[in-house]
Amino acid sequence: MAGGRCGPQLTALLAAWVAAVAATAGPEQAALPAEQSWVQPMTASNWTLVMEGEWMLKFYAPWCPSCQQTDSEWETFAKNGEMLQISVGKVDVIQEPGLSGRFFVTTLPAFFHAKDGIFRRYRGPGIFEDLQNYILEKKWQSVEPLTGWKSPASLTMSGMAGLFSISGKIWHLHNYFTVTLGIPAWCSYVFFVVATLVFGLFMGLRIFLFLPSTEQNGRSEEAHRAEQLQDAEEEKDDSNEEENKDSLVDDEEEKEDLGDEDEAEEEEEEDNLAAGVDEERSEANDQGPPGEDSVTREEVEPEEAEEGVSEKPCPADTEVVEDSLRQRKSQHADKGL
C-alpha cells in the first residue's frame, strides 16, 4: 500500500520539476542573440561607403511581398561576399526616403551595382546564383552606367534626395495623426493644405520685404559702375581731344614751314625771272639803233617797221612770265588756306 501511494507522488514531483526546468529554460532561450546578418544596412549617414570598392545594394520595403521573397537569397549572397570580394547592403525605403530619391527608386525590390563610385542598375532576378554569376563573370561591364545628372552622387540627385526626405517626413506625420492620435484622414489633409498656404504666404512676405533692399543695393552698384564707365569715357574723350589738338598744331606748324619755303622759292624765281627780263631788254636795246649810213629817213622806216615786228616778242615773253608768276602765287595761296 505504501509503495502504491508513493508512486503517484513521485510522478507528481517529477512533473513539477520538469515544468520548473522548462519555465527557467524558456527565458534563457529567448535571450539568446539572433543570428547575425551579413547584410549591412545603409542610411543617409553612411551611404558614401559605396563610393569606394565594389558593392551590391538592395532597396526594399517591409510590406513588400516580392522583397520578402528575396531576403534569404540576399542573405546567402552576403555570406559569400567575402569570397566574391564584394560588400552587400540594403536600404529600407520607409526609413530612408532620401536614399530612394537619390537612386530614383520607382519599383521594389531594386538592385544596384557600384564599382568605385560608378553605379549600374541590376535588373536580373534576386537569386543567389544569378547574383553570383553577375559578379564573377563581370556582366555588369555590359550595362550602361548611371552618369551625369542620373548619378546618385550628382547635384541633381542630391536635390531629389531632399524632396523625397521631405515627402517621407510628411508621410510619417500623416501616419502619426491618423494612426497614433486617431485623427480622421480628411483632418490631416486639411492641416497639410493650411500649412502649405501659410508657408507660401510667409515666403512671399519675406521676399516682398527683403527683395526691395537687394534691388536697391543692386541699383546702387549698377549706378556706381555706370559712373565709372562715364568717367572712363570722359577721360578717353579728353585724351583724344588733346591728341587731336596736338596733331592740328603740328600740322599748322608744318604748313607754315612749307609756306615759308614756298615764299622763299617764289622770291628766288621772281628774282631770276626779273633778271632774265632785264637781260632780254638790254639785249633788245643793243640790237635796236640803226647804222651810220647815208640813207634817208624814208628808206629806213620800212626797215625799222620790219625790225620792230621781228623784235616785239620781248613784251609778250614778259607777259607770259608774269602770268606764270601770278598762277604760282595763287596756287601757293590756296595751299596756305
C-alpha atoms as a PDB file:
ATOM      1  CA  MET A   1       0.000   0.000   0.000  1.00  0.00           C
ATOM      2  CA  ALA A   2       2.816   2.354   0.913  1.00  0.00           C
ATOM      3  CA  GLY A   3       4.575   1.653  -2.365  1.00  0.00           C
ATOM      4  CA  GLY A   4       1.368   2.280  -4.302  1.00  0.00           C
ATOM      5  CA  ARG A   5       0.866   5.614  -2.608  1.00  0.00           C
ATOM      6  CA  CYS A   6       4.455   6.791  -3.192  1.00  0.00           C
ATOM      7  CA  GLY A   7       4.288   6.145  -6.941  1.00  0.00           C
ATOM      8  CA  PRO A   8       1.793   8.905  -7.776  1.00  0.00           C
ATOM      9  CA  GLN A   9       3.571  11.334  -5.509  1.00  0.00           C
ATOM     10  CA  LEU A  10       6.912  10.752  -7.180  1.00  0.00           C
ATOM     11  CA  THR A  11       5.287  11.198 -10.556  1.00  0.00           C
ATOM     12  CA  ALA A  12       3.789  14.491  -9.480  1.00  0.00           C
ATOM     13  CA  LEU A  13       7.120  15.686  -8.127  1.00  0.00           C
ATOM     14  CA  LEU A  14       8.892  14.784 -11.338  1.00  0.00           C
ATOM     15  CA  ALA A  15       6.265  16.600 -13.371  1.00  0.00           C
ATOM     16  CA  ALA A  16       6.608  19.726 -11.229  1.00  0.00           C
ATOM     17  CA  TRP A  17      10.392  19.605 -11.528  1.00  0.00           C
ATOM     18  CA  VAL A  18      10.211  19.283 -15.326  1.00  0.00           C
ATOM     19  CA  ALA A  19       7.787  22.216 -15.500  1.00  0.00           C
ATOM     20  CA  ALA A  20      10.091  24.353 -13.374  1.00  0.00           C
ATOM     21  CA  VAL A  21      13.092  23.499 -15.517  1.00  0.00           C
ATOM     22  CA  ALA A  22      11.125  24.332 -18.678  1.00  0.00           C
ATOM     23  CA  ALA A  23       9.978  27.611 -17.189  1.00  0.00           C
ATOM     24  CA  THR A  24      13.527  28.630 -16.329  1.00  0.00           C
ATOM     25  CA  ALA A  25      14.922  27.492 -19.679  1.00  0.00           C
ATOM     26  CA  GLY A  26      12.352  29.432 -21.744  1.00  0.00           C
ATOM     27  CA  PRO A  27      13.622  32.940 -20.904  1.00  0.00           C
ATOM     28  CA  GLU A  28      17.225  31.817 -21.384  1.00  0.00           C
ATOM     29  CA  GLN A  29      16.472  30.519 -24.868  1.00  0.00           C
ATOM     30  CA  ALA A  30      14.540  33.694 -25.691  1.00  0.00           C
ATOM     31  CA  ALA A  31      17.510  35.766 -24.505  1.00  0.00           C
ATOM     32  CA  LEU A  32      19.876  34.067 -26.966  1.00  0.00           C
ATOM     33  CA  PRO A  33      21.015  36.505 -29.670  1.00  0.00           C
ATOM     34  CA  ALA A  34      19.537  36.115 -33.109  1.00  0.00           C
ATOM     35  CA  GLU A  35      21.725  35.002 -35.986  1.00  0.00           C
ATOM     36  CA  GLN A  36      23.981  37.830 -37.170  1.00  0.00           C
ATOM     37  CA  SER A  37      23.137  39.269 -40.581  1.00  0.00           C
ATOM     38  CA  TRP A  38      25.872  39.720 -43.186  1.00  0.00           C
ATOM     39  CA  VAL A  39      23.927  42.450 -44.965  1.00  0.00           C
ATOM     40  CA  GLN A  40      24.954  45.971 -43.967  1.00  0.00           C
ATOM     41  CA  PRO A  41      22.075  48.449 -43.519  1.00  0.00           C
ATOM     42  CA  MET A  42      22.684  51.687 -45.428  1.00  0.00           C
ATOM     43  CA  THR A  43      21.447  55.077 -44.240  1.00  0.00           C
ATOM     44  CA  ALA A  44      21.822  58.695 -45.272  1.00  0.00           C
ATOM     45  CA  SER A  45      24.836  58.999 -42.949  1.00  0.00           C
ATOM     46  CA  ASN A  46      26.894  56.057 -44.251  1.00  0.00           C
ATOM     47  CA  TRP A  47      25.776  55.624 -47.869  1.00  0.00           C
ATOM     48  CA  THR A  48      29.019  57.224 -49.117  1.00  0.00           C
ATOM     49  CA  LEU A  49      30.781  53.961 -48.260  1.00  0.00           C
ATOM     50  CA  VAL A  50      29.552  52.595 -51.594  1.00  0.00           C
ATOM     51  CA  MET A  51      31.715  55.184 -53.384  1.00  0.00           C
ATOM     52  CA  GLU A  52      34.762  53.015 -52.717  1.00  0.00           C
ATOM     53  CA  GLY A  53      35.219  49.379 -53.680  1.00  0.00           C
ATOM     54  CA  GLU A  54      32.560  47.084 -55.146  1.00  0.00           C
ATOM     55  CA  TRP A  55      29.027  46.937 -53.707  1.00  0.00           C
ATOM     56  CA  MET A  56      25.591  45.468 -54.325  1.00  0.00           C
ATOM     57  CA  LEU A  57      22.608  47.312 -52.860  1.00  0.00           C
ATOM     58  CA  LYS A  58      19.026  46.215 -52.419  1.00  0.00           C
ATOM     59  CA  PHE A  59      16.153  48.657 -51.905  1.00  0.00           C
ATOM     60  CA  TYR A  60      13.169  47.124 -50.144  1.00  0.00           C
ATOM     61  CA  ALA A  61      10.138  47.868 -48.001  1.00  0.00           C
ATOM     62  CA  PRO A  62       8.962  45.711 -45.076  1.00  0.00           C
ATOM     63  CA  TRP A  63       5.428  45.444 -46.501  1.00  0.00           C
ATOM     64  CA  CYS A  64       6.645  44.372 -49.993  1.00  0.00           C
ATOM     65  CA  PRO A  65       5.976  40.611 -50.644  1.00  0.00           C
ATOM     66  CA  SER A  66       8.481  40.460 -53.509  1.00  0.00           C
ATOM     67  CA  CYS A  67      11.152  41.932 -51.257  1.00  0.00           C
ATOM     68  CA  GLN A  68      10.445  39.324 -48.587  1.00  0.00           C
ATOM     69  CA  GLN A  69      10.841  36.508 -51.105  1.00  0.00           C
ATOM     70  CA  THR A  70      14.390  37.602 -51.928  1.00  0.00           C
ATOM     71  CA  ASP A  71      15.528  38.148 -48.317  1.00  0.00           C
ATOM     72  CA  SER A  72      17.004  34.656 -47.879  1.00  0.00           C
ATOM     73  CA  GLU A  73      18.739  34.738 -51.265  1.00  0.00           C
ATOM     74  CA  TRP A  74      20.171  38.151 -50.487  1.00  0.00           C
ATOM     75  CA  GLU A  75      21.429  36.936 -47.122  1.00  0.00           C
ATOM     76  CA  THR A  76      23.151  33.958 -48.750  1.00  0.00           C
ATOM     77  CA  PHE A  77      24.714  36.276 -51.303  1.00  0.00           C
ATOM     78  CA  ALA A  78      26.022  38.474 -48.466  1.00  0.00           C
ATOM     79  CA  LYS A  79      27.571  35.468 -46.671  1.00  0.00           C
ATOM     80  CA  ASN A  80      29.590  34.706 -49.802  1.00  0.00           C
ATOM     81  CA  GLY A  81      30.531  38.356 -50.254  1.00  0.00           C
ATOM     82  CA  GLU A  82      33.992  37.844 -48.761  1.00  0.00           C
ATOM     83  CA  MET A  83      34.711  35.086 -51.276  1.00  0.00           C
ATOM     84  CA  LEU A  84      33.378  37.262 -54.113  1.00  0.00           C
ATOM     85  CA  GLN A  85      35.295  40.284 -52.780  1.00  0.00           C
ATOM     86  CA  ILE A  86      32.165  42.400 -52.687  1.00  0.00           C
ATOM     87  CA  SER A  87      30.188  44.201 -49.979  1.00  0.00           C
ATOM     88  CA  VAL A  88      26.409  43.748 -49.735  1.00  0.00           C
ATOM     89  CA  GLY A  89      23.988  46.307 -48.336  1.00  0.00           C
ATOM     90  CA  LYS A  90      20.280  47.055 -48.096  1.00  0.00           C
ATOM     91  CA  VAL A  91      18.162  50.196 -47.844  1.00  0.00           C
ATOM     92  CA  ASP A  92      14.737  50.420 -46.208  1.00  0.00           C
ATOM     93  CA  VAL A  93      12.879  52.984 -48.328  1.00  0.00           C
ATOM     94  CA  ILE A  94      10.428  53.633 -45.496  1.00  0.00           C
ATOM     95  CA  GLN A  95      13.155  54.632 -43.078  1.00  0.00           C
ATOM     96  CA  GLU A  96      15.420  56.211 -45.712  1.00  0.00           C
ATOM     97  CA  PRO A  97      13.245  58.003 -48.296  1.00  0.00           C
ATOM     98  CA  GLY A  98      16.147  60.308 -49.152  1.00  0.00           C
ATOM     99  CA  LEU A  99      18.262  57.423 -50.435  1.00  0.00           C
ATOM    100  CA  SER A 100      15.383  56.103 -52.518  1.00  0.00           C
ATOM    101  CA  GLY A 101      15.129  59.550 -54.102  1.00  0.00           C
ATOM    102  CA  ARG A 102      18.892  59.761 -54.622  1.00  0.00           C
ATOM    103  CA  PHE A 103      18.815  56.471 -56.565  1.00  0.00           C
ATOM    104  CA  PHE A 104      15.392  57.343 -58.046  1.00  0.00           C
ATOM    105  CA  VAL A 105      13.816  54.054 -56.990  1.00  0.00           C
ATOM    106  CA  THR A 106      10.343  53.616 -58.502  1.00  0.00           C
ATOM    107  CA  THR A 107       9.883  49.823 -58.186  1.00  0.00           C
ATOM    108  CA  LEU A 108      10.597  47.333 -55.393  1.00  0.00           C
ATOM    109  CA  PRO A 109      12.798  45.468 -54.941  1.00  0.00           C
ATOM    110  CA  ALA A 110      15.502  47.435 -56.755  1.00  0.00           C
ATOM    111  CA  PHE A 111      19.127  46.320 -57.063  1.00  0.00           C
ATOM    112  CA  PHE A 112      22.192  48.443 -57.846  1.00  0.00           C
ATOM    113  CA  HIS A 113      25.830  47.600 -58.511  1.00  0.00           C
ATOM    114  CA  ALA A 114      28.562  50.086 -57.561  1.00  0.00           C
ATOM    115  CA  LYS A 115      32.210  49.937 -58.563  1.00  0.00           C
ATOM    116  CA  ASP A 116      34.482  52.768 -57.382  1.00  0.00           C
ATOM    117  CA  GLY A 117      31.657  55.302 -57.428  1.00  0.00           C
ATOM    118  CA  ILE A 118      30.172  54.208 -60.784  1.00  0.00           C
ATOM    119  CA  PHE A 119      26.602  52.910 -60.421  1.00  0.00           C
ATOM    120  CA  ARG A 120      24.650  50.496 -62.613  1.00  0.00           C
ATOM    121  CA  ARG A 121      21.135  49.131 -62.307  1.00  0.00           C
ATOM    122  CA  TYR A 122      20.860  45.335 -61.910  1.00  0.00           C
ATOM    123  CA  ARG A 123      17.620  44.156 -63.494  1.00  0.00           C
ATOM    124  CA  GLY A 124      18.035  40.403 -63.067  1.00  0.00           C
ATOM    125  CA  PRO A 125      16.303  38.163 -60.516  1.00  0.00           C
ATOM    126  CA  GLY A 126      17.335  38.356 -56.882  1.00  0.00           C
ATOM    127  CA  ILE A 127      18.540  34.743 -56.830  1.00  0.00           C
ATOM    128  CA  PHE A 128      21.912  33.842 -55.369  1.00  0.00           C
ATOM    129  CA  GLU A 129      23.198  32.015 -58.457  1.00  0.00           C
ATOM    130  CA  ASP A 130      22.320  34.877 -60.795  1.00  0.00           C
ATOM    131  CA  LEU A 131      23.825  37.434 -58.447  1.00  0.00           C
ATOM    132  CA  GLN A 132      26.990  35.354 -58.076  1.00  0.00           C
ATOM    133  CA  ASN A 133      27.395  34.942 -61.852  1.00  0.00           C
ATOM    134  CA  TYR A 134      26.774  38.675 -62.305  1.00  0.00           C
ATOM    135  CA  ILE A 135      29.856  39.371 -60.171  1.00  0.00           C
ATOM    136  CA  LEU A 136      32.138  36.502 -61.207  1.00  0.00           C
ATOM    137  CA  GLU A 137      31.540  36.891 -64.939  1.00  0.00           C
ATOM    138  CA  LYS A 138      31.569  40.689 -64.655  1.00  0.00           C
ATOM    139  CA  LYS A 139      28.311  41.033 -66.511  1.00  0.00           C
ATOM    140  CA  TRP A 140      27.975  44.499 -65.061  1.00  0.00           C
ATOM    141  CA  GLN A 141      30.536  45.755 -67.619  1.00  0.00           C
ATOM    142  CA  SER A 142      27.941  45.377 -70.382  1.00  0.00           C
ATOM    143  CA  VAL A 143      25.411  47.534 -68.503  1.00  0.00           C
ATOM    144  CA  GLU A 144      25.288  51.262 -69.186  1.00  0.00           C
ATOM    145  CA  PRO A 145      26.348  53.195 -66.063  1.00  0.00           C
ATOM    146  CA  LEU A 146      24.380  55.977 -64.448  1.00  0.00           C
ATOM    147  CA  THR A 147      26.388  59.050 -65.422  1.00  0.00           C
ATOM    148  CA  GLY A 148      25.798  62.777 -65.454  1.00  0.00           C
ATOM    149  CA  TRP A 149      22.715  64.005 -63.645  1.00  0.00           C
ATOM    150  CA  LYS A 150      21.490  60.406 -63.215  1.00  0.00           C
ATOM    151  CA  SER A 151      24.406  59.513 -60.955  1.00  0.00           C
ATOM    152  CA  PRO A 152      23.404  59.279 -57.255  1.00  0.00           C
ATOM    153  CA  ALA A 153      26.376  61.470 -56.395  1.00  0.00           C
ATOM    154  CA  SER A 154      25.293  64.318 -58.714  1.00  0.00           C
ATOM    155  CA  LEU A 155      23.834  67.625 -57.551  1.00  0.00           C
ATOM    156  CA  THR A 156      20.503  66.863 -59.239  1.00  0.00           C
ATOM    157  CA  MET A 157      20.059  63.613 -57.345  1.00  0.00           C
ATOM    158  CA  SER A 158      21.043  65.361 -54.122  1.00  0.00           C
ATOM    159  CA  GLY A 159      18.124  67.726 -54.665  1.00  0.00           C
ATOM    160  CA  MET A 160      15.890  64.768 -55.413  1.00  0.00           C
ATOM    161  CA  ALA A 161      17.005  63.175 -52.139  1.00  0.00           C
ATOM    162  CA  GLY A 162      15.934  66.308 -50.283  1.00  0.00           C
ATOM    163  CA  LEU A 163      12.479  66.246 -51.883  1.00  0.00           C
ATOM    164  CA  PHE A 164      11.991  62.568 -51.045  1.00  0.00           C
ATOM    165  CA  SER A 165      13.122  63.222 -47.464  1.00  0.00           C
ATOM    166  CA  ILE A 166      10.503  65.962 -47.081  1.00  0.00           C
ATOM    167  CA  SER A 167       7.796  63.733 -48.552  1.00  0.00           C
ATOM    168  CA  GLY A 168       8.824  60.921 -46.181  1.00  0.00           C
ATOM    169  CA  LYS A 169       8.560  63.211 -43.177  1.00  0.00           C
ATOM    170  CA  ILE A 170       5.116  64.353 -44.304  1.00  0.00           C
ATOM    171  CA  TRP A 171       4.030  60.747 -44.697  1.00  0.00           C
ATOM    172  CA  HIS A 172       5.281  59.859 -41.194  1.00  0.00           C
ATOM    173  CA  LEU A 173       3.463  62.876 -39.780  1.00  0.00           C
ATOM    174  CA  HIS A 174       0.268  61.840 -41.570  1.00  0.00           C
ATOM    175  CA  ASN A 175       0.527  58.344 -40.055  1.00  0.00           C
ATOM    176  CA  TYR A 176       1.084  59.865 -36.629  1.00  0.00           C
ATOM    177  CA  PHE A 177      -2.074  61.940 -36.970  1.00  0.00           C
ATOM    178  CA  THR A 178      -4.258  59.150 -38.332  1.00  0.00           C
ATOM    179  CA  VAL A 179      -2.885  56.056 -36.553  1.00  0.00           C
ATOM    180  CA  THR A 180      -1.425  57.238 -33.263  1.00  0.00           C
ATOM    181  CA  LEU A 181      -3.755  60.138 -32.498  1.00  0.00           C
ATOM    182  CA  GLY A 182      -6.768  58.686 -34.316  1.00  0.00           C
ATOM    183  CA  ILE A 183      -7.483  61.881 -36.261  1.00  0.00           C
ATOM    184  CA  PRO A 184      -9.599  61.398 -39.416  1.00  0.00           C
ATOM    185  CA  ALA A 185      -7.682  61.406 -42.667  1.00  0.00           C
ATOM    186  CA  TRP A 186      -9.560  64.438 -44.040  1.00  0.00           C
ATOM    187  CA  CYS A 187      -8.469  66.466 -40.999  1.00  0.00           C
ATOM    188  CA  SER A 188      -4.850  65.558 -41.740  1.00  0.00           C
ATOM    189  CA  TYR A 189      -5.268  66.652 -45.338  1.00  0.00           C
ATOM    190  CA  VAL A 190      -6.796  69.968 -44.237  1.00  0.00           C
ATOM    191  CA  PHE A 191      -3.885  70.515 -41.886  1.00  0.00           C
ATOM    192  CA  PHE A 192      -1.323  70.000 -44.659  1.00  0.00           C
ATOM    193  CA  VAL A 193      -3.238  72.295 -47.037  1.00  0.00           C
ATOM    194  CA  VAL A 194      -3.373  75.084 -44.440  1.00  0.00           C
ATOM    195  CA  ALA A 195       0.305  74.561 -43.586  1.00  0.00           C
ATOM    196  CA  THR A 196       1.204  74.832 -47.283  1.00  0.00           C
ATOM    197  CA  LEU A 197      -0.736  78.080 -47.659  1.00  0.00           C
ATOM    198  CA  VAL A 198       0.789  79.598 -44.531  1.00  0.00           C
ATOM    199  CA  PHE A 199       4.271  78.619 -45.642  1.00  0.00           C
ATOM    200  CA  GLY A 200       3.668  80.143 -49.077  1.00  0.00           C
ATOM    201  CA  LEU A 201       2.397  83.385 -47.570  1.00  0.00           C
ATOM    202  CA  PHE A 202       5.374  83.552 -45.238  1.00  0.00           C
ATOM    203  CA  MET A 203       7.834  83.066 -48.071  1.00  0.00           C
ATOM    204  CA  GLY A 204       6.021  85.645 -50.218  1.00  0.00           C
ATOM    205  CA  LEU A 205       6.074  88.193 -47.380  1.00  0.00           C
ATOM    206  CA  ARG A 206       9.749  87.556 -46.823  1.00  0.00           C
ATOM    207  CA  ILE A 207      10.509  88.102 -50.479  1.00  0.00           C
ATOM    208  CA  PHE A 208       8.356  91.247 -50.535  1.00  0.00           C
ATOM    209  CA  LEU A 209      10.176  92.728 -47.544  1.00  0.00           C
ATOM    210  CA  PHE A 210      13.756  91.799 -48.320  1.00  0.00           C
ATOM    211  CA  LEU A 211      13.772  91.900 -52.102  1.00  0.00           C
ATOM    212  CA  PRO A 212      13.484  95.731 -52.438  1.00  0.00           C
ATOM    213  CA  SER A 213      16.596  96.228 -50.323  1.00  0.00           C
ATOM    214  CA  THR A 214      18.550  93.840 -52.500  1.00  0.00           C
ATOM    215  CA  GLU A 215      17.210  95.579 -55.614  1.00  0.00           C
ATOM    216  CA  GLN A 216      18.284  98.968 -54.248  1.00  0.00           C
ATOM    217  CA  ASN A 217      21.739  97.641 -53.489  1.00  0.00           C
ATOM    218  CA  GLY A 218      21.922  96.209 -56.977  1.00  0.00           C
ATOM    219  CA  ARG A 219      20.771  99.504 -58.494  1.00  0.00           C
ATOM    220  CA  SER A 220      23.325 101.478 -56.484  1.00  0.00           C
ATOM    221  CA  GLU A 221      26.056  99.129 -57.649  1.00  0.00           C
ATOM    222  CA  GLU A 222      24.877  99.487 -61.237  1.00  0.00           C
ATOM    223  CA  ALA A 223      24.800 103.287 -60.905  1.00  0.00           C
ATOM    224  CA  HIS A 224      28.311 103.256 -59.475  1.00  0.00           C
ATOM    225  CA  ARG A 225      29.513 101.113 -62.347  1.00  0.00           C
ATOM    226  CA  ALA A 226      27.778 103.426 -64.828  1.00  0.00           C
ATOM    227  CA  GLU A 227      29.513 106.438 -63.276  1.00  0.00           C
ATOM    228  CA  GLN A 228      32.851 104.683 -63.515  1.00  0.00           C
ATOM    229  CA  LEU A 229      32.202 103.912 -67.158  1.00  0.00           C
ATOM    230  CA  GLN A 230      31.229 107.526 -67.841  1.00  0.00           C
ATOM    231  CA  ASP A 231      34.378 108.795 -66.129  1.00  0.00           C
ATOM    232  CA  ALA A 232      36.483 106.411 -68.162  1.00  0.00           C
ATOM    233  CA  GLU A 233      34.773 107.523 -71.388  1.00  0.00           C
ATOM    234  CA  GLU A 234      35.263 111.195 -70.496  1.00  0.00           C
ATOM    235  CA  GLU A 235      38.933 110.589 -69.801  1.00  0.00           C
ATOM    236  CA  LYS A 236      39.255 108.853 -73.158  1.00  0.00           C
ATOM    237  CA  ASP A 237      37.474 111.750 -74.889  1.00  0.00           C
ATOM    238  CA  ASP A 238      39.740 114.287 -73.193  1.00  0.00           C
ATOM    239  CA  SER A 239      42.841 112.388 -74.167  1.00  0.00           C
ATOM    240  CA  ASN A 240      41.573 112.092 -77.747  1.00  0.00           C
ATOM    241  CA  GLU A 241      40.853 115.831 -77.883  1.00  0.00           C
ATOM    242  CA  GLU A 242      44.323 116.647 -76.597  1.00  0.00           C
ATOM    243  CA  GLU A 243      45.862 114.336 -79.159  1.00  0.00           C
ATOM    244  CA  ASN A 244      43.788 115.944 -81.906  1.00  0.00           C
ATOM    245  CA  LYS A 245      44.804 119.423 -80.793  1.00  0.00           C
ATOM    246  CA  ASP A 246      48.456 118.430 -80.733  1.00  0.00           C
ATOM    247  CA  SER A 247      48.159 116.914 -84.189  1.00  0.00           C
ATOM    248  CA  LEU A 248      46.423 120.068 -85.503  1.00  0.00           C
ATOM    249  CA  VAL A 249      49.138 122.287 -84.046  1.00  0.00           C
ATOM    250  CA  ASP A 250      51.803 120.121 -85.627  1.00  0.00           C
ATOM    251  CA  ASP A 251      50.003 120.254 -88.975  1.00  0.00           C
ATOM    252  CA  GLU A 252      49.733 124.041 -88.809  1.00  0.00           C
ATOM    253  CA  GLU A 253      53.414 124.374 -87.985  1.00  0.00           C
ATOM    254  CA  GLU A 254      54.306 122.101 -90.878  1.00  0.00           C
ATOM    255  CA  LYS A 255      52.079 124.176 -93.192  1.00  0.00           C
ATOM    256  CA  GLU A 256      53.705 127.379 -92.002  1.00  0.00           C
ATOM    257  CA  ASP A 257      57.154 125.910 -92.602  1.00  0.00           C
ATOM    258  CA  LEU A 258      56.087 124.783 -96.052  1.00  0.00           C
ATOM    259  CA  GLY A 259      54.583 128.229 -96.753  1.00  0.00           C
ATOM    260  CA  ASP A 260      57.839 129.926 -95.752  1.00  0.00           C
ATOM    261  CA  GLU A 261      59.803 127.621 -98.007  1.00  0.00           C
ATOM    262  CA  ASP A 262      57.384 128.235-100.885  1.00  0.00           C
ATOM    263  CA  GLU A 263      57.633 132.010-100.408  1.00  0.00           C
ATOM    264  CA  ALA A 264      61.408 131.799-100.467  1.00  0.00           C
ATOM    265  CA  GLU A 265      61.288 129.744-103.619  1.00  0.00           C
ATOM    266  CA  GLU A 266      58.826 132.211-105.215  1.00  0.00           C
ATOM    267  CA  GLU A 267      61.060 135.127-104.372  1.00  0.00           C
ATOM    268  CA  GLU A 268      64.027 133.368-105.880  1.00  0.00           C
ATOM    269  CA  GLU A 269      62.039 132.560-109.009  1.00  0.00           C
ATOM    270  CA  GLU A 270      60.804 136.161-109.252  1.00  0.00           C
ATOM    271  CA  ASP A 271      64.328 137.440-108.892  1.00  0.00           C
ATOM    272  CA  ASN A 272      65.551 135.031-111.529  1.00  0.00           C
ATOM    273  CA  LEU A 273      62.729 135.967-113.879  1.00  0.00           C
ATOM    274  CA  ALA A 274      63.271 139.702-113.338  1.00  0.00           C
ATOM    275  CA  ALA A 275      66.983 139.285-114.060  1.00  0.00           C
ATOM    276  CA  GLY A 276      66.132 137.357-117.215  1.00  0.00           C
ATOM    277  CA  VAL A 277      63.713 140.069-118.347  1.00  0.00           C
ATOM    278  CA  ASP A 278      66.323 142.760-117.742  1.00  0.00           C
ATOM    279  CA  GLU A 279      68.866 140.863-119.739  1.00  0.00           C
ATOM    280  CA  GLU A 280      66.432 140.368-122.605  1.00  0.00           C
ATOM    281  CA  ARG A 281      65.560 144.080-122.594  1.00  0.00           C
ATOM    282  CA  SER A 282      69.227 145.088-122.598  1.00  0.00           C
ATOM    283  CA  GLU A 283      69.910 142.769-125.498  1.00  0.00           C
ATOM    284  CA  ALA A 284      66.948 144.210-127.390  1.00  0.00           C
ATOM    285  CA  ASN A 285      68.199 147.761-126.808  1.00  0.00           C
ATOM    286  CA  ASP A 286      71.649 146.800-128.041  1.00  0.00           C
ATOM    287  CA  GLN A 287      70.252 145.475-131.307  1.00  0.00           C
ATOM    288  CA  GLY A 288      67.721 148.300-131.838  1.00  0.00           C
ATOM    289  CA  PRO A 289      69.701 151.509-133.104  1.00  0.00           C
ATOM    290  CA  PRO A 290      70.321 151.839-136.933  1.00  0.00           C
ATOM    291  CA  GLY A 291      73.794 152.139-138.672  1.00  0.00           C
ATOM    292  CA  GLU A 292      75.502 155.457-139.634  1.00  0.00           C
ATOM    293  CA  ASP A 293      74.812 155.144-143.411  1.00  0.00           C
ATOM    294  CA  SER A 294      73.776 157.969-145.662  1.00  0.00           C
ATOM    295  CA  VAL A 295      70.336 156.566-146.029  1.00  0.00           C
ATOM    296  CA  THR A 296      67.322 158.777-145.915  1.00  0.00           C
ATOM    297  CA  ARG A 297      64.669 158.529-143.183  1.00  0.00           C
ATOM    298  CA  GLU A 298      62.036 157.322-145.612  1.00  0.00           C
ATOM    299  CA  GLU A 299      64.182 154.374-146.696  1.00  0.00           C
ATOM    300  CA  VAL A 300      64.970 153.397-143.114  1.00  0.00           C
ATOM    301  CA  GLU A 301      61.372 153.494-141.790  1.00  0.00           C
ATOM    302  CA  PRO A 302      60.222 150.397-143.687  1.00  0.00           C
ATOM    303  CA  GLU A 303      63.226 148.533-142.424  1.00  0.00           C
ATOM    304  CA  GLU A 304      62.606 149.732-138.819  1.00  0.00           C
ATOM    305  CA  ALA A 305      58.996 148.666-139.098  1.00  0.00           C
ATOM    306  CA  GLU A 306      60.068 145.233-140.181  1.00  0.00           C
ATOM    307  CA  GLU A 307      62.675 145.027-137.398  1.00  0.00           C
ATOM    308  CA  GLY A 308      60.080 146.237-134.892  1.00  0.00           C
ATOM    309  CA  VAL A 309      57.804 143.416-135.924  1.00  0.00           C
ATOM    310  CA  SER A 310      60.605 140.941-135.570  1.00  0.00           C
ATOM    311  CA  GLU A 311      61.830 142.426-132.218  1.00  0.00           C
ATOM    312  CA  LYS A 312      58.395 142.753-130.469  1.00  0.00           C
ATOM    313  CA  PRO A 313      58.321 139.270-128.866  1.00  0.00           C
ATOM    314  CA  CYS A 314      60.091 140.639-125.833  1.00  0.00           C
ATOM    315  CA  PRO A 315      56.990 142.252-124.230  1.00  0.00           C
ATOM    316  CA  ALA A 316      54.994 139.108-124.993  1.00  0.00           C
ATOM    317  CA  ASP A 317      57.581 136.999-123.208  1.00  0.00           C
ATOM    318  CA  THR A 318      57.366 139.244-120.171  1.00  0.00           C
ATOM    319  CA  GLU A 319      53.588 138.906-120.071  1.00  0.00           C
ATOM    320  CA  VAL A 320      53.869 135.099-120.145  1.00  0.00           C
ATOM    321  CA  VAL A 321      56.351 135.179-117.289  1.00  0.00           C
ATOM    322  CA  GLU A 322      54.119 137.475-115.273  1.00  0.00           C
ATOM    323  CA  ASP A 323      51.113 135.189-115.872  1.00  0.00           C
ATOM    324  CA  SER A 324      53.067 132.172-114.695  1.00  0.00           C
ATOM    325  CA  LEU A 325      54.119 134.049-111.567  1.00  0.00           C
ATOM    326  CA  ARG A 326      50.525 135.016-110.847  1.00  0.00           C
ATOM    327  CA  GLN A 327      49.384 131.414-111.252  1.00  0.00           C
ATOM    328  CA  ARG A 328      52.068 130.139-108.876  1.00  0.00           C
ATOM    329  CA  LYS A 329      51.156 132.785-106.312  1.00  0.00           C
ATOM    330  CA  SER A 330      47.515 131.825-106.481  1.00  0.00           C
ATOM    331  CA  GLN A 331      48.440 128.125-106.089  1.00  0.00           C
ATOM    332  CA  HIS A 332      50.600 128.870-103.053  1.00  0.00           C
ATOM    333  CA  ALA A 333      47.823 130.966-101.553  1.00  0.00           C
ATOM    334  CA  ASP A 334      45.401 128.062-101.987  1.00  0.00           C
ATOM    335  CA  LYS A 335      47.868 125.716-100.319  1.00  0.00           C
ATOM    336  CA  GLY A 336      48.250 128.080 -97.371  1.00  0.00           C
ATOM    337  CA  LEU A 337      44.458 128.158 -96.917  1.00  0.00           C
END
